[in-house]
Amino acid sequence: MSASGNARGGMAWPVLAVLVSIVSVQAGASLAKQLFPVIGPTGTTTVRLVMGTLILWAVLRPWRVRGTLPWKWLLAYGVTLGTMNTVFYLALQRIPLGIAVAVEFLGPLAVAVIGSRRAIDFVWVALAAAGLLLFVPWDQAQQSLDIIGLLLALLAGACWGMYIVFGQRLGADHGTSMVAYGSLVAMVVAAPWGIASAGTALLAPALLPAALGLGVLSMALPYALEMAALARIPTRTFGLLMSLEPAVAALCGLLFLHERLGVLQWLAIAAIMAASAGATLGARTSARDA
């Protein structure tokens, strides 16, 4: 077999791992939304973070880290993570999954292009803005869409952008074990809201299988797959694959939640995906040429 054939073979399973990770996250979000009638969005956030944190601590064993923990950055990372999860699930209560994920993607897009002076990056911003405007129900003929839900998804996107910035700082200086500590902080931030909303319903034994599934699908499995894939594929390839997430979310919403989107909404998702992919390509090319 040729060297190029080996390279293609070597790329195949990391790409598959990223795709499985994307499907896992969105299947987990679909499962989470089905729990809303039982424990509400804040209760579901609490369940996700508690179960996900337990799994991360069991896998990563962060107590083995030596030295002083960077508490300032850990607190910023964890508070952002807890807020992002809570606000996203509140948005998901009001708008379809595919739309919520697409709007949330504007946060990472902003991080990718902020401070840029390249004309092409303004094209991606304009394309993303056009996609967002397509979601807005300008007249009665359009399918009704909750404006508060859109605003909550935008807030979740802003939190996602800050989460990326704080996470890069922690990961570069202290390694992946900081994710477990950050998840613990996020759990402490989100839990009071979930407990106040759902109360003793969070302790129902019947909830345990769904809670375990949510922790595995939304945090443990995708985290493990993404970490393994990132070690074997270029960051640009990873970013391009992640641009598929809004479409996968919309398909999961259709299959598991029976959420049907209109033509304009699909066009909006496509516009935001294209903007995300374009910004990812531009950012990585610029970094390589620098």
C-alpha atoms as a PDB file:
ATOM      1  CA  MET A   1       0.000   0.000   0.000  1.00  0.00           C
ATOM      2  CA  SER A   2       1.274   3.498  -0.881  1.00  0.00           C
ATOM      3  CA  ALA A   3       2.088   6.188   1.646  1.00  0.00           C
ATOM      4  CA  SER A   4      -0.929   8.201   0.488  1.00  0.00           C
ATOM      5  CA  GLY A   5      -3.121   5.151   0.994  1.00  0.00           C
ATOM      6  CA  ASN A   6      -1.787   4.750   4.533  1.00  0.00           C
ATOM      7  CA  ALA A   7      -2.476   8.430   5.210  1.00  0.00           C
ATOM      8  CA  ARG A   8      -6.055   8.096   3.976  1.00  0.00           C
ATOM      9  CA  GLY A   9      -6.537   4.984   6.082  1.00  0.00           C
ATOM     10  CA  GLY A  10      -5.023   6.714   9.084  1.00  0.00           C
ATOM     11  CA  MET A  11      -7.410   9.653   8.651  1.00  0.00           C
ATOM     12  CA  ALA A  12     -10.523   7.529   8.279  1.00  0.00           C
ATOM     13  CA  TRP A  13     -11.109   6.490  11.872  1.00  0.00           C
ATOM     14  CA  PRO A  14     -10.367   9.885  13.489  1.00  0.00           C
ATOM     15  CA  VAL A  15     -12.836  11.497  11.067  1.00  0.00           C
ATOM     16  CA  LEU A  16     -15.360   8.799  11.947  1.00  0.00           C
ATOM     17  CA  ALA A  17     -14.695   9.432  15.641  1.00  0.00           C
ATOM     18  CA  VAL A  18     -15.516  13.133  15.245  1.00  0.00           C
ATOM     19  CA  LEU A  19     -18.703  12.338  13.330  1.00  0.00           C
ATOM     20  CA  VAL A  20     -19.793   9.850  16.001  1.00  0.00           C
ATOM     21  CA  SER A  21     -19.004  12.472  18.628  1.00  0.00           C
ATOM     22  CA  ILE A  22     -21.247  15.021  16.893  1.00  0.00           C
ATOM     23  CA  VAL A  23     -24.107  12.530  16.631  1.00  0.00           C
ATOM     24  CA  SER A  24     -23.611  11.537  20.274  1.00  0.00           C
ATOM     25  CA  VAL A  25     -23.847  15.140  21.506  1.00  0.00           C
ATOM     26  CA  GLN A  26     -26.998  15.857  19.538  1.00  0.00           C
ATOM     27  CA  ALA A  27     -28.617  12.551  20.481  1.00  0.00           C
ATOM     28  CA  GLY A  28     -27.852  13.495  24.074  1.00  0.00           C
ATOM     29  CA  ALA A  29     -29.507  16.889  23.544  1.00  0.00           C
ATOM     30  CA  SER A  30     -32.571  15.120  22.136  1.00  0.00           C
ATOM     31  CA  LEU A  31     -32.684  12.880  25.209  1.00  0.00           C
ATOM     32  CA  ALA A  32     -32.291  15.937  27.440  1.00  0.00           C
ATOM     33  CA  LYS A  33     -35.253  17.686  25.838  1.00  0.00           C
ATOM     34  CA  GLN A  34     -37.421  14.645  26.497  1.00  0.00           C
ATOM     35  CA  LEU A  35     -36.642  15.045  30.211  1.00  0.00           C
ATOM     36  CA  PHE A  36     -37.931  18.631  30.321  1.00  0.00           C
ATOM     37  CA  PRO A  37     -41.545  17.631  31.143  1.00  0.00           C
ATOM     38  CA  VAL A  38     -40.245  15.621  34.113  1.00  0.00           C
ATOM     39  CA  ILE A  39     -37.547  17.798  35.690  1.00  0.00           C
ATOM     40  CA  GLY A  40     -37.441  20.944  33.545  1.00  0.00           C
ATOM     41  CA  PRO A  41     -34.469  22.393  31.638  1.00  0.00           C
ATOM     42  CA  THR A  42     -32.524  23.486  34.743  1.00  0.00           C
ATOM     43  CA  GLY A  43     -33.089  20.113  36.390  1.00  0.00           C
ATOM     44  CA  THR A  44     -31.868  18.414  33.232  1.00  0.00           C
ATOM     45  CA  THR A  45     -28.776  20.637  33.222  1.00  0.00           C
ATOM     46  CA  THR A  46     -28.058  19.559  36.791  1.00  0.00           C
ATOM     47  CA  VAL A  47     -28.438  15.876  35.915  1.00  0.00           C
ATOM     48  CA  ARG A  48     -26.150  16.230  32.900  1.00  0.00           C
ATOM     49  CA  LEU A  49     -23.413  18.029  34.797  1.00  0.00           C
ATOM     50  CA  VAL A  50     -23.556  15.790  37.876  1.00  0.00           C
ATOM     51  CA  MET A  51     -23.361  12.591  35.857  1.00  0.00           C
ATOM     52  CA  GLY A  52     -20.839  14.001  33.382  1.00  0.00           C
ATOM     53  CA  THR A  53     -18.614  15.280  36.190  1.00  0.00           C
ATOM     54  CA  LEU A  54     -18.629  11.916  37.948  1.00  0.00           C
ATOM     55  CA  ILE A  55     -17.610  10.187  34.709  1.00  0.00           C
ATOM     56  CA  LEU A  56     -14.893  12.749  33.925  1.00  0.00           C
ATOM     57  CA  TRP A  57     -13.400  12.440  37.406  1.00  0.00           C
ATOM     58  CA  ALA A  58     -13.414   8.642  37.159  1.00  0.00           C
ATOM     59  CA  VAL A  59     -11.698   8.719  33.750  1.00  0.00           C
ATOM     60  CA  LEU A  60      -9.284  11.654  34.094  1.00  0.00           C
ATOM     61  CA  ARG A  61      -8.446  11.304  37.832  1.00  0.00           C
ATOM     62  CA  PRO A  62      -7.540  14.990  38.139  1.00  0.00           C
ATOM     63  CA  TRP A  63      -6.429  14.666  41.774  1.00  0.00           C
ATOM     64  CA  ARG A  64      -3.105  13.374  40.436  1.00  0.00           C
ATOM     65  CA  VAL A  65      -2.218  16.841  39.106  1.00  0.00           C
ATOM     66  CA  ARG A  66       0.712  18.363  40.997  1.00  0.00           C
ATOM     67  CA  GLY A  67       1.095  21.994  41.923  1.00  0.00           C
ATOM     68  CA  THR A  68      -1.250  24.876  42.592  1.00  0.00           C
ATOM     69  CA  LEU A  69      -4.478  24.927  40.641  1.00  0.00           C
ATOM     70  CA  PRO A  70      -5.142  28.042  38.526  1.00  0.00           C
ATOM     71  CA  TRP A  71      -8.324  28.913  40.401  1.00  0.00           C
ATOM     72  CA  LYS A  72      -8.932  32.224  38.642  1.00  0.00           C
ATOM     73  CA  TRP A  73      -9.097  30.583  35.225  1.00  0.00           C
ATOM     74  CA  LEU A  74     -10.821  27.481  36.562  1.00  0.00           C
ATOM     75  CA  LEU A  75     -13.607  29.557  38.071  1.00  0.00           C
ATOM     76  CA  ALA A  76     -14.021  31.554  34.856  1.00  0.00           C
ATOM     77  CA  TYR A  77     -14.072  28.338  32.804  1.00  0.00           C
ATOM     78  CA  GLY A  78     -16.462  26.504  35.131  1.00  0.00           C
ATOM     79  CA  VAL A  79     -18.899  29.405  35.582  1.00  0.00           C
ATOM     80  CA  THR A  80     -19.023  29.873  31.821  1.00  0.00           C
ATOM     81  CA  LEU A  81     -19.592  26.146  31.267  1.00  0.00           C
ATOM     82  CA  GLY A  82     -22.385  25.965  33.842  1.00  0.00           C
ATOM     83  CA  THR A  83     -24.075  29.084  32.494  1.00  0.00           C
ATOM     84  CA  MET A  84     -23.749  27.883  28.901  1.00  0.00           C
ATOM     85  CA  ASN A  85     -25.406  24.544  29.657  1.00  0.00           C
ATOM     86  CA  THR A  86     -28.225  26.132  31.654  1.00  0.00           C
ATOM     87  CA  VAL A  87     -29.009  28.851  29.129  1.00  0.00           C
ATOM     88  CA  PHE A  88     -28.811  26.440  26.178  1.00  0.00           C
ATOM     89  CA  TYR A  89     -31.343  24.083  27.742  1.00  0.00           C
ATOM     90  CA  LEU A  90     -33.613  27.033  28.535  1.00  0.00           C
ATOM     91  CA  ALA A  91     -33.390  27.970  24.843  1.00  0.00           C
ATOM     92  CA  LEU A  92     -34.051  24.370  23.842  1.00  0.00           C
ATOM     93  CA  GLN A  93     -37.302  24.487  25.786  1.00  0.00           C
ATOM     94  CA  ARG A  94     -38.551  27.230  23.440  1.00  0.00           C
ATOM     95  CA  ILE A  95     -37.043  26.543  20.006  1.00  0.00           C
ATOM     96  CA  PRO A  96     -36.122  23.467  17.933  1.00  0.00           C
ATOM     97  CA  LEU A  97     -32.800  21.732  18.545  1.00  0.00           C
ATOM     98  CA  GLY A  98     -31.335  22.450  15.098  1.00  0.00           C
ATOM     99  CA  ILE A  99     -32.070  26.162  15.374  1.00  0.00           C
ATOM    100  CA  ALA A 100     -30.707  26.390  18.924  1.00  0.00           C
ATOM    101  CA  VAL A 101     -27.420  24.753  17.917  1.00  0.00           C
ATOM    102  CA  ALA A 102     -27.075  26.875  14.769  1.00  0.00           C
ATOM    103  CA  VAL A 103     -27.589  30.126  16.699  1.00  0.00           C
ATOM    104  CA  GLU A 104     -25.232  28.952  19.439  1.00  0.00           C
ATOM    105  CA  PHE A 105     -22.547  28.405  16.781  1.00  0.00           C
ATOM    106  CA  LEU A 106     -22.324  32.172  16.334  1.00  0.00           C
ATOM    107  CA  GLY A 107     -20.234  32.290  19.542  1.00  0.00           C
ATOM    108  CA  PRO A 108     -17.330  30.184  18.248  1.00  0.00           C
ATOM    109  CA  LEU A 109     -17.618  31.989  14.912  1.00  0.00           C
ATOM    110  CA  ALA A 110     -17.115  35.312  16.673  1.00  0.00           C
ATOM    111  CA  VAL A 111     -14.026  33.927  18.434  1.00  0.00           C
ATOM    112  CA  ALA A 112     -12.643  32.760  15.087  1.00  0.00           C
ATOM    113  CA  VAL A 113     -12.955  36.143  13.355  1.00  0.00           C
ATOM    114  CA  ILE A 114     -12.599  38.643  16.199  1.00  0.00           C
ATOM    115  CA  GLY A 115      -9.758  41.038  15.644  1.00  0.00           C
ATOM    116  CA  SER A 116      -9.437  39.992  12.005  1.00  0.00           C
ATOM    117  CA  ARG A 117      -8.673  42.582   9.350  1.00  0.00           C
ATOM    118  CA  ARG A 118      -9.187  40.245   6.407  1.00  0.00           C
ATOM    119  CA  ALA A 119     -12.066  41.176   4.123  1.00  0.00           C
ATOM    120  CA  ILE A 120     -13.152  37.554   3.697  1.00  0.00           C
ATOM    121  CA  ASP A 121     -13.881  37.229   7.411  1.00  0.00           C
ATOM    122  CA  PHE A 122     -16.421  40.034   7.149  1.00  0.00           C
ATOM    123  CA  VAL A 123     -18.117  37.964   4.457  1.00  0.00           C
ATOM    124  CA  TRP A 124     -18.471  35.082   6.905  1.00  0.00           C
ATOM    125  CA  VAL A 125     -19.872  37.420   9.563  1.00  0.00           C
ATOM    126  CA  ALA A 126     -22.378  38.823   7.059  1.00  0.00           C
ATOM    127  CA  LEU A 127     -23.386  35.316   5.989  1.00  0.00           C
ATOM    128  CA  ALA A 128     -23.919  34.252   9.611  1.00  0.00           C
ATOM    129  CA  ALA A 129     -25.935  37.419  10.297  1.00  0.00           C
ATOM    130  CA  ALA A 130     -28.096  36.683   7.255  1.00  0.00           C
ATOM    131  CA  GLY A 131     -28.693  33.197   8.594  1.00  0.00           C
ATOM    132  CA  LEU A 132     -29.732  34.591  11.960  1.00  0.00           C
ATOM    133  CA  LEU A 133     -32.128  37.036  10.303  1.00  0.00           C
ATOM    134  CA  LEU A 134     -33.755  34.181   8.399  1.00  0.00           C
ATOM    135  CA  PHE A 135     -34.763  32.664  11.758  1.00  0.00           C
ATOM    136  CA  VAL A 136     -36.688  35.762  12.814  1.00  0.00           C
ATOM    137  CA  PRO A 137     -40.457  35.451  12.152  1.00  0.00           C
ATOM    138  CA  TRP A 138     -40.944  38.764  10.341  1.00  0.00           C
ATOM    139  CA  ASP A 139     -44.584  38.150   9.432  1.00  0.00           C
ATOM    140  CA  GLN A 140     -47.492  35.879  10.286  1.00  0.00           C
ATOM    141  CA  ALA A 141     -46.892  33.763   7.197  1.00  0.00           C
ATOM    142  CA  GLN A 142     -43.649  32.447   8.676  1.00  0.00           C
ATOM    143  CA  GLN A 143     -43.571  29.604  11.156  1.00  0.00           C
ATOM    144  CA  SER A 144     -43.776  30.977  14.677  1.00  0.00           C
ATOM    145  CA  LEU A 145     -40.445  31.049  16.476  1.00  0.00           C
ATOM    146  CA  ASP A 146     -39.906  32.182  20.041  1.00  0.00           C
ATOM    147  CA  ILE A 147     -37.744  35.333  20.144  1.00  0.00           C
ATOM    148  CA  ILE A 148     -36.772  34.736  23.789  1.00  0.00           C
ATOM    149  CA  GLY A 149     -35.544  31.287  22.771  1.00  0.00           C
ATOM    150  CA  LEU A 150     -33.376  32.851  20.055  1.00  0.00           C
ATOM    151  CA  LEU A 151     -31.943  35.361  22.537  1.00  0.00           C
ATOM    152  CA  LEU A 152     -31.186  32.589  25.015  1.00  0.00           C
ATOM    153  CA  ALA A 153     -29.409  30.620  22.270  1.00  0.00           C
ATOM    154  CA  LEU A 154     -27.382  33.741  21.429  1.00  0.00           C
ATOM    155  CA  LEU A 155     -26.424  34.066  25.103  1.00  0.00           C
ATOM    156  CA  ALA A 156     -25.401  30.398  25.106  1.00  0.00           C
ATOM    157  CA  GLY A 157     -23.260  31.133  22.042  1.00  0.00           C
ATOM    158  CA  ALA A 158     -21.571  34.029  23.823  1.00  0.00           C
ATOM    159  CA  CYS A 159     -20.827  31.698  26.732  1.00  0.00           C
ATOM    160  CA  TRP A 160     -19.470  29.115  24.283  1.00  0.00           C
ATOM    161  CA  GLY A 161     -17.092  31.695  22.849  1.00  0.00           C
ATOM    162  CA  MET A 162     -15.785  32.577  26.329  1.00  0.00           C
ATOM    163  CA  TYR A 163     -15.603  28.868  27.199  1.00  0.00           C
ATOM    164  CA  ILE A 164     -13.290  28.332  24.209  1.00  0.00           C
ATOM    165  CA  VAL A 165     -11.015  31.200  25.244  1.00  0.00           C
ATOM    166  CA  PHE A 166     -10.795  30.070  28.877  1.00  0.00           C
ATOM    167  CA  GLY A 167     -10.460  26.410  27.892  1.00  0.00           C
ATOM    168  CA  GLN A 168      -7.570  27.120  25.537  1.00  0.00           C
ATOM    169  CA  ARG A 169      -5.764  29.000  28.301  1.00  0.00           C
ATOM    170  CA  LEU A 170      -6.252  26.164  30.794  1.00  0.00           C
ATOM    171  CA  GLY A 171      -5.482  23.379  28.347  1.00  0.00           C
ATOM    172  CA  ALA A 172      -2.275  24.999  27.106  1.00  0.00           C
ATOM    173  CA  ASP A 173      -0.917  25.586  30.605  1.00  0.00           C
ATOM    174  CA  HIS A 174      -2.298  22.715  32.682  1.00  0.00           C
ATOM    175  CA  GLY A 175      -3.574  19.889  30.455  1.00  0.00           C
ATOM    176  CA  THR A 176      -6.894  18.140  29.956  1.00  0.00           C
ATOM    177  CA  SER A 177      -7.418  17.271  33.629  1.00  0.00           C
ATOM    178  CA  MET A 178      -8.619  20.858  34.107  1.00  0.00           C
ATOM    179  CA  VAL A 179     -11.809  19.867  32.263  1.00  0.00           C
ATOM    180  CA  ALA A 180     -12.805  17.720  35.243  1.00  0.00           C
ATOM    181  CA  TYR A 181     -12.225  20.572  37.692  1.00  0.00           C
ATOM    182  CA  GLY A 182     -14.071  22.979  35.426  1.00  0.00           C
ATOM    183  CA  SER A 183     -16.987  20.566  35.174  1.00  0.00           C
ATOM    184  CA  LEU A 184     -17.124  20.405  38.973  1.00  0.00           C
ATOM    185  CA  VAL A 185     -17.358  24.198  39.163  1.00  0.00           C
ATOM    186  CA  ALA A 186     -20.043  24.175  36.457  1.00  0.00           C
ATOM    187  CA  MET A 187     -22.034  21.624  38.441  1.00  0.00           C
ATOM    188  CA  VAL A 188     -21.900  23.821  41.563  1.00  0.00           C
ATOM    189  CA  VAL A 189     -23.068  26.808  39.489  1.00  0.00           C
ATOM    190  CA  ALA A 190     -25.975  25.010  37.821  1.00  0.00           C
ATOM    191  CA  ALA A 191     -27.171  22.702  40.621  1.00  0.00           C
ATOM    192  CA  PRO A 192     -28.986  25.331  42.771  1.00  0.00           C
ATOM    193  CA  TRP A 193     -31.195  26.284  39.827  1.00  0.00           C
ATOM    194  CA  GLY A 194     -31.998  22.665  39.065  1.00  0.00           C
ATOM    195  CA  ILE A 195     -32.689  21.771  42.690  1.00  0.00           C
ATOM    196  CA  ALA A 196     -34.940  24.811  43.135  1.00  0.00           C
ATOM    197  CA  SER A 197     -36.870  23.900  39.992  1.00  0.00           C
ATOM    198  CA  ALA A 198     -37.116  20.094  40.129  1.00  0.00           C
ATOM    199  CA  GLY A 199     -36.657  19.383  43.854  1.00  0.00           C
ATOM    200  CA  THR A 200     -36.874  15.746  44.905  1.00  0.00           C
ATOM    201  CA  ALA A 201     -37.757  14.659  41.361  1.00  0.00           C
ATOM    202  CA  LEU A 202     -34.007  14.680  40.711  1.00  0.00           C
ATOM    203  CA  LEU A 203     -33.640  11.775  43.160  1.00  0.00           C
ATOM    204  CA  ALA A 204     -36.203   9.503  41.524  1.00  0.00           C
ATOM    205  CA  PRO A 205     -34.630   6.061  40.835  1.00  0.00           C
ATOM    206  CA  ALA A 206     -36.473   5.890  37.512  1.00  0.00           C
ATOM    207  CA  LEU A 207     -34.412   8.875  36.347  1.00  0.00           C
ATOM    208  CA  LEU A 208     -31.068   7.073  36.721  1.00  0.00           C
ATOM    209  CA  PRO A 209     -30.938   5.314  33.305  1.00  0.00           C
ATOM    210  CA  ALA A 210     -31.732   8.557  31.475  1.00  0.00           C
ATOM    211  CA  ALA A 211     -29.221  10.436  33.631  1.00  0.00           C
ATOM    212  CA  LEU A 212     -26.505   7.891  32.835  1.00  0.00           C
ATOM    213  CA  GLY A 213     -27.364   8.027  29.138  1.00  0.00           C
ATOM    214  CA  LEU A 214     -27.240  11.803  29.203  1.00  0.00           C
ATOM    215  CA  GLY A 215     -23.857  11.855  30.930  1.00  0.00           C
ATOM    216  CA  VAL A 216     -22.377   9.356  28.464  1.00  0.00           C
ATOM    217  CA  LEU A 217     -23.882  10.777  25.266  1.00  0.00           C
ATOM    218  CA  SER A 218     -23.438  14.470  26.062  1.00  0.00           C
ATOM    219  CA  MET A 219     -20.074  14.491  27.835  1.00  0.00           C
ATOM    220  CA  ALA A 220     -18.096  11.266  28.356  1.00  0.00           C
ATOM    221  CA  LEU A 221     -18.287   9.635  24.911  1.00  0.00           C
ATOM    222  CA  PRO A 222     -17.882  12.769  22.749  1.00  0.00           C
ATOM    223  CA  TYR A 223     -15.088  14.100  24.956  1.00  0.00           C
ATOM    224  CA  ALA A 224     -13.134  10.840  24.664  1.00  0.00           C
ATOM    225  CA  LEU A 225     -13.668  10.608  20.898  1.00  0.00           C
ATOM    226  CA  GLU A 226     -12.735  14.237  20.248  1.00  0.00           C
ATOM    227  CA  MET A 227      -9.568  14.022  22.350  1.00  0.00           C
ATOM    228  CA  ALA A 228      -8.478  10.883  20.484  1.00  0.00           C
ATOM    229  CA  ALA A 229      -9.277  12.400  17.086  1.00  0.00           C
ATOM    230  CA  LEU A 230      -7.543  15.728  17.764  1.00  0.00           C
ATOM    231  CA  ALA A 231      -4.274  13.897  18.332  1.00  0.00           C
ATOM    232  CA  ARG A 232      -4.425  12.406  14.825  1.00  0.00           C
ATOM    233  CA  ILE A 233      -6.048  14.927  12.484  1.00  0.00           C
ATOM    234  CA  PRO A 234      -5.285  18.593  11.717  1.00  0.00           C
ATOM    235  CA  THR A 235      -7.184  21.147  13.763  1.00  0.00           C
ATOM    236  CA  ARG A 236      -8.590  22.621  10.548  1.00  0.00           C
ATOM    237  CA  THR A 237     -10.109  19.275   9.580  1.00  0.00           C
ATOM    238  CA  PHE A 238     -11.604  18.966  13.049  1.00  0.00           C
ATOM    239  CA  GLY A 239     -13.112  22.450  12.807  1.00  0.00           C
ATOM    240  CA  LEU A 240     -14.621  21.743   9.394  1.00  0.00           C
ATOM    241  CA  LEU A 241     -16.206  18.536  10.647  1.00  0.00           C
ATOM    242  CA  MET A 242     -17.647  20.368  13.649  1.00  0.00           C
ATOM    243  CA  SER A 243     -19.332  22.762  11.226  1.00  0.00           C
ATOM    244  CA  LEU A 244     -21.687  19.887  10.404  1.00  0.00           C
ATOM    245  CA  GLU A 245     -23.128  19.976  13.920  1.00  0.00           C
ATOM    246  CA  PRO A 246     -26.123  22.278  13.258  1.00  0.00           C
ATOM    247  CA  ALA A 247     -27.319  20.017  10.437  1.00  0.00           C
ATOM    248  CA  VAL A 248     -26.871  16.910  12.593  1.00  0.00           C
ATOM    249  CA  ALA A 249     -28.787  18.662  15.381  1.00  0.00           C
ATOM    250  CA  ALA A 250     -31.638  19.470  13.020  1.00  0.00           C
ATOM    251  CA  LEU A 251     -31.761  15.856  11.816  1.00  0.00           C
ATOM    252  CA  CYS A 252     -31.715  14.537  15.402  1.00  0.00           C
ATOM    253  CA  GLY A 253     -34.499  16.982  16.229  1.00  0.00           C
ATOM    254  CA  LEU A 254     -36.508  15.613  13.331  1.00  0.00           C
ATOM    255  CA  LEU A 255     -35.868  11.942  14.121  1.00  0.00           C
ATOM    256  CA  PHE A 256     -36.127  11.954  17.915  1.00  0.00           C
ATOM    257  CA  LEU A 257     -38.258  15.017  18.691  1.00  0.00           C
ATOM    258  CA  HIS A 258     -40.351  15.292  15.495  1.00  0.00           C
ATOM    259  CA  GLU A 259     -39.272  18.926  15.024  1.00  0.00           C
ATOM    260  CA  ARG A 260     -39.909  19.904  11.418  1.00  0.00           C
ATOM    261  CA  LEU A 261     -38.169  23.001  10.115  1.00  0.00           C
ATOM    262  CA  GLY A 262     -39.263  25.272   7.294  1.00  0.00           C
ATOM    263  CA  VAL A 263     -37.291  25.923   4.106  1.00  0.00           C
ATOM    264  CA  LEU A 264     -36.040  29.308   5.353  1.00  0.00           C
ATOM    265  CA  GLN A 265     -34.887  27.741   8.608  1.00  0.00           C
ATOM    266  CA  TRP A 266     -32.892  25.094   6.745  1.00  0.00           C
ATOM    267  CA  LEU A 267     -31.379  27.854   4.604  1.00  0.00           C
ATOM    268  CA  ALA A 268     -30.464  29.746   7.773  1.00  0.00           C
ATOM    269  CA  ILE A 269     -28.743  26.666   9.205  1.00  0.00           C
ATOM    270  CA  ALA A 270     -26.859  26.166   5.926  1.00  0.00           C
ATOM    271  CA  ALA A 271     -25.715  29.809   5.955  1.00  0.00           C
ATOM    272  CA  ILE A 272     -24.366  29.574   9.501  1.00  0.00           C
ATOM    273  CA  MET A 273     -22.657  26.261   8.734  1.00  0.00           C
ATOM    274  CA  ALA A 274     -21.004  27.788   5.646  1.00  0.00           C
ATOM    275  CA  ALA A 275     -19.869  30.813   7.684  1.00  0.00           C
ATOM    276  CA  SER A 276     -18.427  28.542  10.364  1.00  0.00           C
ATOM    277  CA  ALA A 277     -16.594  26.386   7.821  1.00  0.00           C
ATOM    278  CA  GLY A 278     -15.248  29.428   5.985  1.00  0.00           C
ATOM    279  CA  ALA A 279     -14.032  31.104   9.153  1.00  0.00           C
ATOM    280  CA  THR A 280     -12.372  27.867  10.265  1.00  0.00           C
ATOM    281  CA  LEU A 281     -10.527  27.501   6.975  1.00  0.00           C
ATOM    282  CA  GLY A 282      -9.456  31.135   6.996  1.00  0.00           C
ATOM    283  CA  ALA A 283      -8.283  31.093  10.603  1.00  0.00           C
ATOM    284  CA  ARG A 284      -6.214  27.943  10.172  1.00  0.00           C
ATOM    285  CA  THR A 285      -4.705  29.065   6.869  1.00  0.00           C
ATOM    286  CA  SER A 286      -3.777  32.416   8.378  1.00  0.00           C
ATOM    287  CA  ALA A 287      -2.151  30.747  11.386  1.00  0.00           C
ATOM    288  CA  ARG A 288      -0.175  28.414   9.144  1.00  0.00           C
ATOM    289  CA  ASP A 289       1.063  31.222   6.921  1.00  0.00           C
ATOM    290  CA  ALA A 290       2.053  33.452   9.853  1.00  0.00           C
END
